[in-house]
Every structure is written in C-alpha cells, then in structure tokens.
Amino acid sequence: MSPLRYPGSKRRFATYIAEVIRLNDLKPKLFVEPFAGGASVSLQLLNDRVVQSIGLGEKDPLLASFWKVVFGDCEPLLQRVRETDVTIEEWVRLKSARARTDLDRAFACLYLNRTSYSGIMRDDAGPIGGYQQASKYAIDCRFPKATLVRRIQQANALKEKVAFVQSGDWLRTIEQAMTYDISPNEVFVYLDPPFFKAGPRLYRHFFTPENHEELYQYLAKLDTPWLLSYDPAEAIVEMYTRNGIEPKHVSLLYSACPNCSGSVAEELIISNVSTLPSEGRLWKTTGEWAGAAASPTRS
C-alpha cells in the first residue's frame, strides 16, 4: 500500500507481525513505528484492521513531511504528481533545492524516492538510468502516476486512524505514544532501525554503534510489547543476547542489496513478547505460489 520504494522494505513483515499479535492475544489500540520509512507495515495492519490506530515517527524531514501531507490535505501533492514531468532536469532541481514547506518536502521525497536508484535518497545516490539515461531503464520507470495517486488516496482514507506523525528520533516517537490515555499493553511498538552494516550507504540518517547501544539499553527496560527487526550482524546478536532475549532468524526476499535483486536475505527478529511464529520464512517460491493458486478453495 505504500507509495514509497523504501530500501529494505518490510511489507512482508505485516503478516508476520499480525501473527505475533494473534499468538500473544494482544489488542493494540496504537501501533507505533518509530522508524517509519515507507510505513508499509503500519499501513497494511491498519487497513486490515489488525490494529485500531497507528503512530509514525521519522527522523528524515523529507519522510516526516511526506506522511504529514499524505494524512492531511493531500490534494496539492496529488496535483503535483499529476502535472510534474519526470525528467533528469527535474530530478537535478529537486536534488539541490531547499524545500521550505511540508508540501515541498513531501513532493521532493516522493519524486526522488521513485526516481533514484533503489529508492535511495542519500546525497550521493544517482537517478535511475544514470545522468545520461543510457540504460534500458528510464528515470520514469518507477513513477507510475496513476498508481501513486491511488496509493496516496488509499493511505489518506485511513487518516482518521492516524494518531500522530512525529518528526524526530525514535525516542521522541515512543514518548509521544506514551502520552495517550491507554494501557501500555494496548500499545505495540515495531522498530526497524537502520541496518548495522549497510545503514550508512542506504539512508540519509543512519546509526552509529553508540546509537545501536542506546536503543538496546532503552528496549531492555520497555514493558510495552515491542518487536525489532535487524540485519543479522554479529554485534547485534551479541548485544541482545545479553538481556536473555534470544534473537530469532527470519528469511525474507530483500530488494535493497546492490546487484542481487530478489535475493533471499536473513533478518533478525527480537521481541519481548512470549510467543513468536514458528515459520521462519516470509516468502514463497514461484512453484509454491502456483500450487496455492491451483488448489481448490475450501469452504
């Protein structure tokens, strides 16, 4: 459902987290994503009515403004999507421009995200197809205007169930969630921090080793149900094993790996809930999809 192509998108985690919620008999009134990014998990769970409301946090001001506009008056954003030409010249202009309003930042976010290599918006990330557009992929190949308009409208239709969009770091987002008059057990926090290894080359705002340690120290004391997804770096495994929570390895199809589109990568799942799904795979092979489609529906 997300309009964004976010590096390391976790949309497949929506089904997994829905199962975590079911297995632990949780009824989240507020689902919180302090590292919102493309917000694909929150959007899917909210749309499927697994959770009653969501709260998003994002340190990157472009992303924070994007979600503020999407869940507010989104018509001016839709108008820009419909009317702006998708060209190298416009990409260069937006890449160097200083956006001063939420709308300007929101459009720059969407445009650069959908026209940059792998959706990466770092200063050193280039456009799809290169500056000379000599590749078989043109800069507009990931900018289907009608689809983007429809996805923004779908997200906007859920705006009454969006408790907040927080511009700031993960701690401010969790603290904002705790100001609501609900029980801590009625909040579920899903954290997908910048990758330990690849974060510096994927995101505009990434973690230092000290930042990873700070998050660990905070979660060790957080009683609210939470689930954390990470790249399987040895330092992260050792860190979270310290508090007696044994990380669970889950594999998923992962698209932000340079030169390995559609490859399978391992992900760590760490949580303070008592029960996690036994399934360790979030994807199906082509044969499995074909088999599922061929199987008769049972009533």
Protein backbone atom coordinates (compact mmCIF):
# COMPACT_ATOMS: atom_id res chain seq x y z
CA MET A 1 0.00 0.00 0.00
CA SER A 2 2.90 2.38 0.48
CA PRO A 3 3.57 4.91 -2.29
CA LEU A 4 7.29 4.80 -1.48
CA ARG A 5 10.07 2.45 -2.62
CA TYR A 6 11.96 2.21 0.62
CA PRO A 7 15.35 0.45 0.90
CA GLY A 8 14.84 -2.80 2.79
CA SER A 9 11.06 -2.51 2.64
CA LYS A 10 9.42 -4.67 5.30
CA ARG A 11 5.98 -5.09 3.80
CA ARG A 12 6.24 -8.88 4.22
CA PHE A 13 6.53 -8.34 7.95
CA ALA A 14 2.90 -7.20 8.14
CA THR A 15 1.64 -10.78 8.02
CA TYR A 16 4.30 -11.92 10.48
CA ILE A 17 3.51 -9.17 12.99
CA ALA A 18 -0.21 -9.79 12.62
CA GLU A 19 0.51 -13.40 13.65
CA VAL A 20 2.64 -12.21 16.60
CA ILE A 21 -0.29 -10.09 17.77
CA ARG A 22 -2.70 -13.01 17.41
CA LEU A 23 -0.47 -15.57 19.13
CA ASN A 24 0.04 -13.31 22.14
CA ASP A 25 -3.64 -12.32 22.34
CA LEU A 26 -2.76 -8.64 22.00
CA LYS A 27 -5.29 -6.00 21.02
CA PRO A 28 -3.25 -2.92 20.08
CA LYS A 29 -5.15 0.33 20.19
CA LEU A 30 -1.99 2.06 18.96
CA PHE A 31 0.67 0.55 16.68
CA VAL A 32 3.85 2.62 16.67
CA GLU A 33 6.61 2.69 14.03
CA PRO A 34 9.45 4.94 15.28
CA PHE A 35 11.46 4.26 12.09
CA ALA A 36 8.57 4.71 9.71
CA GLY A 37 10.37 4.84 6.35
CA GLY A 38 7.86 3.56 3.81
CA ALA A 39 5.41 2.69 6.65
CA SER A 40 4.31 -0.40 4.73
CA VAL A 41 3.76 -2.49 7.88
CA SER A 42 1.66 0.13 9.65
CA LEU A 43 -0.46 0.83 6.58
CA GLN A 44 -1.19 -2.84 5.96
CA LEU A 45 -2.06 -3.66 9.58
CA LEU A 46 -4.30 -0.61 9.82
CA ASN A 47 -6.03 -1.38 6.53
CA ASP A 48 -6.56 -5.00 7.62
CA ARG A 49 -7.95 -3.81 11.00
CA VAL A 50 -5.36 -5.75 12.95
CA VAL A 51 -4.67 -2.53 14.89
CA GLN A 52 -7.01 0.34 15.75
CA SER A 53 -4.66 3.26 15.07
CA ILE A 54 -1.06 3.99 14.16
CA GLY A 55 1.62 6.49 15.14
CA LEU A 56 4.60 7.15 12.86
CA GLY A 57 7.97 8.67 13.62
CA GLU A 58 10.72 9.59 11.20
CA LYS A 59 13.97 11.49 11.69
CA ASP A 60 14.37 12.28 7.99
CA PRO A 61 12.45 15.56 7.48
CA LEU A 62 11.56 14.64 3.89
CA LEU A 63 9.87 11.42 5.00
CA ALA A 64 8.20 13.03 8.03
CA SER A 65 6.73 15.77 5.84
CA PHE A 66 5.59 13.22 3.28
CA TRP A 67 3.48 11.32 5.81
CA LYS A 68 2.14 14.54 7.35
CA VAL A 69 0.89 15.64 3.94
CA VAL A 70 -0.44 12.20 2.98
CA PHE A 71 -2.51 12.06 6.17
CA GLY A 72 -3.60 15.68 5.88
CA ASP A 73 -4.78 17.64 2.83
CA CYS A 74 -3.13 15.54 0.13
CA GLU A 75 -4.78 17.11 -2.92
CA PRO A 76 -1.96 19.62 -3.62
CA LEU A 77 0.51 16.72 -3.53
CA LEU A 78 -1.64 14.71 -5.93
CA GLN A 79 -1.80 17.70 -8.28
CA ARG A 80 2.00 17.93 -8.38
CA VAL A 81 2.26 14.21 -9.07
CA ARG A 82 -0.14 14.52 -12.00
CA GLU A 83 1.40 17.67 -13.50
CA THR A 84 5.18 17.42 -12.97
CA ASP A 85 7.27 15.97 -15.77
CA VAL A 86 9.59 13.12 -14.78
CA THR A 87 12.92 14.20 -16.24
CA ILE A 88 16.60 14.34 -15.32
CA GLU A 89 16.34 18.14 -15.22
CA GLU A 90 13.57 18.00 -12.61
CA TRP A 91 15.48 15.35 -10.63
CA VAL A 92 18.57 17.58 -10.50
CA ARG A 93 16.48 20.59 -9.49
CA LEU A 94 14.77 18.76 -6.63
CA LYS A 95 18.01 17.12 -5.53
CA SER A 96 19.65 20.51 -4.99
CA ALA A 97 16.60 22.55 -3.91
CA ARG A 98 16.00 23.59 -0.30
CA ALA A 99 12.39 22.68 0.40
CA ARG A 100 10.82 25.10 2.88
CA THR A 101 7.30 23.73 3.36
CA ASP A 102 5.87 20.33 4.23
CA LEU A 103 4.34 20.14 0.75
CA ASP A 104 7.66 20.90 -0.96
CA ARG A 105 9.45 18.33 1.19
CA ALA A 106 6.69 15.76 0.64
CA PHE A 107 6.86 16.07 -3.14
CA ALA A 108 10.66 16.05 -3.18
CA CYS A 109 10.56 12.90 -1.05
CA LEU A 110 8.18 11.06 -3.36
CA TYR A 111 9.85 12.25 -6.57
CA LEU A 112 13.42 11.47 -5.53
CA ASN A 113 12.40 8.20 -3.91
CA ARG A 114 10.66 6.95 -7.04
CA THR A 115 13.32 8.17 -9.49
CA SER A 116 16.55 7.33 -7.63
CA TYR A 117 18.43 4.05 -7.72
CA SER A 118 16.76 1.54 -5.34
CA GLY A 119 14.74 4.38 -3.80
CA ILE A 120 17.84 5.67 -2.00
CA MET A 121 17.70 9.41 -1.27
CA ARG A 122 21.22 9.95 0.05
CA ASP A 123 23.11 12.87 -1.49
CA ASP A 124 25.41 10.51 -3.38
CA ALA A 125 22.59 8.37 -4.84
CA GLY A 126 22.06 8.78 -8.56
CA PRO A 127 18.97 8.71 -10.78
CA ILE A 128 17.53 5.57 -12.33
CA GLY A 129 19.10 5.17 -15.75
CA GLY A 130 22.05 7.43 -14.94
CA TYR A 131 22.56 11.06 -15.80
CA GLN A 132 22.91 10.25 -19.49
CA GLN A 133 19.81 8.00 -19.49
CA ALA A 134 21.76 5.39 -21.45
CA SER A 135 20.30 2.44 -19.50
CA LYS A 136 17.34 0.38 -20.66
CA TYR A 137 15.57 1.72 -17.54
CA ALA A 138 14.43 5.33 -17.89
CA ILE A 139 14.09 7.72 -14.97
CA ASP A 140 10.27 7.50 -15.06
CA CYS A 141 10.07 3.68 -14.99
CA ARG A 142 9.20 3.64 -11.26
CA PHE A 143 6.93 6.69 -11.35
CA PRO A 144 3.52 5.37 -12.46
CA LYS A 145 1.45 8.48 -11.81
CA ALA A 146 -1.99 6.84 -11.68
CA THR A 147 -0.75 4.16 -9.27
CA LEU A 148 0.94 6.69 -6.99
CA VAL A 149 -2.18 8.85 -6.90
CA ARG A 150 -4.28 5.81 -6.00
CA ARG A 151 -1.92 4.70 -3.22
CA ILE A 152 -1.77 8.16 -1.68
CA GLN A 153 -5.56 8.32 -1.76
CA GLN A 154 -5.79 4.88 -0.14
CA ALA A 155 -3.47 5.98 2.66
CA ASN A 156 -5.30 9.28 3.07
CA ALA A 157 -8.59 7.39 3.52
CA LEU A 158 -7.11 5.99 6.76
CA LYS A 159 -6.13 9.39 8.18
CA GLU A 160 -8.78 9.39 10.93
CA LYS A 161 -6.98 6.39 12.41
CA VAL A 162 -3.55 8.01 12.39
CA ALA A 163 -2.85 9.21 15.93
CA PHE A 164 0.26 11.21 15.02
CA VAL A 165 3.19 11.67 12.68
CA GLN A 166 6.26 12.64 14.71
CA SER A 167 9.20 14.44 13.13
CA GLY A 168 12.18 13.39 15.19
CA ASP A 169 14.11 10.43 16.52
CA TRP A 170 12.79 7.09 17.75
CA LEU A 171 12.77 8.10 21.42
CA ARG A 172 10.55 11.14 20.81
CA THR A 173 8.15 8.91 18.90
CA ILE A 174 7.84 6.34 21.68
CA GLU A 175 7.48 9.10 24.29
CA GLN A 176 4.72 10.66 22.18
CA ALA A 177 2.90 7.30 22.09
CA MET A 178 3.06 7.03 25.88
CA THR A 179 1.17 10.33 26.33
CA TYR A 180 -2.08 8.73 25.18
CA ASP A 181 -4.58 7.62 27.80
CA ILE A 182 -4.32 3.91 27.11
CA SER A 183 -2.69 1.00 28.89
CA PRO A 184 0.95 0.21 27.94
CA ASN A 185 -0.25 -3.28 26.96
CA GLU A 186 -2.53 -1.69 24.36
CA VAL A 187 0.46 -0.21 22.54
CA PHE A 188 2.65 -2.26 20.20
CA VAL A 189 5.98 -0.84 19.05
CA TYR A 190 7.59 -2.12 15.84
CA LEU A 191 11.16 -0.93 15.36
CA ASP A 192 13.15 -1.27 12.16
CA PRO A 193 16.30 0.76 12.83
CA PRO A 194 18.97 1.48 10.20
CA PHE A 195 20.95 -1.63 9.36
CA PHE A 196 24.12 -2.12 11.37
CA LYS A 197 26.28 -2.84 8.33
CA ALA A 198 24.63 -1.22 5.32
CA GLY A 199 22.88 1.72 7.02
CA PRO A 200 25.48 4.39 6.13
CA ARG A 201 25.17 3.69 2.41
CA LEU A 202 21.37 3.32 2.33
CA TYR A 203 19.89 6.11 4.45
CA ARG A 204 20.26 9.86 4.90
CA HIS A 205 20.10 9.32 8.67
CA PHE A 206 21.88 6.23 9.98
CA PHE A 207 23.08 4.84 13.32
CA THR A 208 26.49 4.87 14.92
CA PRO A 209 27.47 1.89 17.13
CA GLU A 210 26.59 4.10 20.11
CA ASN A 211 23.09 4.67 18.71
CA HIS A 212 22.54 0.91 18.40
CA GLU A 213 23.65 0.51 22.01
CA GLU A 214 21.31 3.30 23.19
CA LEU A 215 18.34 1.60 21.54
CA TYR A 216 19.28 -1.71 23.14
CA GLN A 217 19.54 -0.14 26.60
CA TYR A 218 16.13 1.51 26.22
CA LEU A 219 14.32 -1.59 24.97
CA ALA A 220 15.76 -3.68 27.81
CA LYS A 221 13.58 -1.60 30.16
CA LEU A 222 10.49 -1.11 27.98
CA ASP A 223 7.48 -3.06 29.26
CA THR A 224 5.22 -2.24 26.32
CA PRO A 225 5.11 -5.08 23.75
CA TRP A 226 7.74 -4.48 21.10
CA LEU A 227 9.31 -6.24 18.15
CA LEU A 228 12.58 -5.32 16.50
CA SER A 229 13.87 -6.32 13.05
CA TYR A 230 17.57 -6.07 12.23
CA ASP A 231 20.20 -7.23 9.82
CA PRO A 232 21.97 -10.28 11.32
CA ALA A 233 25.18 -8.53 12.35
CA GLU A 234 27.21 -10.41 14.95
CA ALA A 235 27.43 -7.30 17.14
CA ILE A 236 23.62 -7.06 17.29
CA VAL A 237 23.19 -10.75 18.13
CA GLU A 238 25.71 -10.46 20.96
CA MET A 239 24.14 -7.25 22.23
CA TYR A 240 20.60 -8.58 22.56
CA THR A 241 21.69 -11.97 23.90
CA ARG A 242 22.97 -10.08 26.94
CA ASN A 243 19.46 -9.50 28.25
CA GLY A 244 18.33 -13.08 27.78
CA ILE A 245 16.27 -12.45 24.64
CA GLU A 246 17.45 -14.89 22.01
CA PRO A 247 17.15 -13.39 18.51
CA LYS A 248 15.13 -15.39 16.00
CA HIS A 249 16.34 -15.57 12.40
CA VAL A 250 13.72 -14.99 9.72
CA SER A 251 14.47 -15.01 5.99
CA LEU A 252 12.76 -12.73 3.51
CA LEU A 253 13.06 -11.58 -0.07
CA TYR A 254 15.09 -8.42 0.08
CA SER A 255 15.48 -5.86 -2.72
CA ALA A 256 17.95 -3.26 -1.41
CA CYS A 257 21.02 -5.44 -1.92
CA PRO A 258 23.16 -3.99 -4.75
CA ASN A 259 23.37 -6.28 -7.77
CA CYS A 260 21.26 -9.03 -6.17
CA SER A 261 17.65 -8.16 -6.96
CA GLY A 262 15.18 -10.57 -5.44
CA SER A 263 17.77 -12.36 -3.38
CA VAL A 264 16.97 -14.03 -0.08
CA ALA A 265 18.46 -12.38 2.97
CA GLU A 266 18.31 -13.23 6.63
CA GLU A 267 16.73 -10.91 9.16
CA LEU A 268 16.85 -10.93 12.94
CA ILE A 269 13.64 -10.75 14.91
CA ILE A 270 13.97 -9.69 18.55
CA SER A 271 10.99 -9.15 20.83
CA ASN A 272 9.86 -9.07 24.44
CA VAL A 273 6.61 -10.95 23.71
CA SER A 274 6.36 -14.54 24.89
CA THR A 275 5.49 -16.29 21.61
CA LEU A 276 6.81 -15.84 18.10
CA PRO A 277 5.59 -17.67 14.97
CA SER A 278 7.42 -20.90 14.19
CA GLU A 279 7.57 -20.06 10.48
CA GLY A 280 10.97 -18.66 9.63
CA ARG A 281 10.31 -17.64 6.05
CA LEU A 282 8.29 -14.67 4.76
CA TRP A 283 8.22 -15.59 1.09
CA LYS A 284 7.07 -18.28 -1.36
CA THR A 285 8.79 -19.75 -4.36
CA THR A 286 7.20 -19.47 -7.79
CA GLY A 287 6.19 -23.11 -7.55
CA GLU A 288 4.54 -22.60 -4.19
CA TRP A 289 2.53 -19.64 -5.48
CA ALA A 290 1.47 -21.72 -8.49
CA GLY A 291 0.46 -24.59 -6.23
CA ALA A 292 -1.57 -22.32 -3.99
CA ALA A 293 -3.36 -20.83 -6.99
CA ALA A 294 -4.15 -24.29 -8.38
CA SER A 295 -5.51 -25.66 -5.09
CA PRO A 296 -9.31 -25.66 -4.77
CA THR A 297 -10.71 -23.23 -2.23
CA ARG A 298 -12.05 -24.93 0.88
CA SER A 299 -15.24 -23.70 2.44
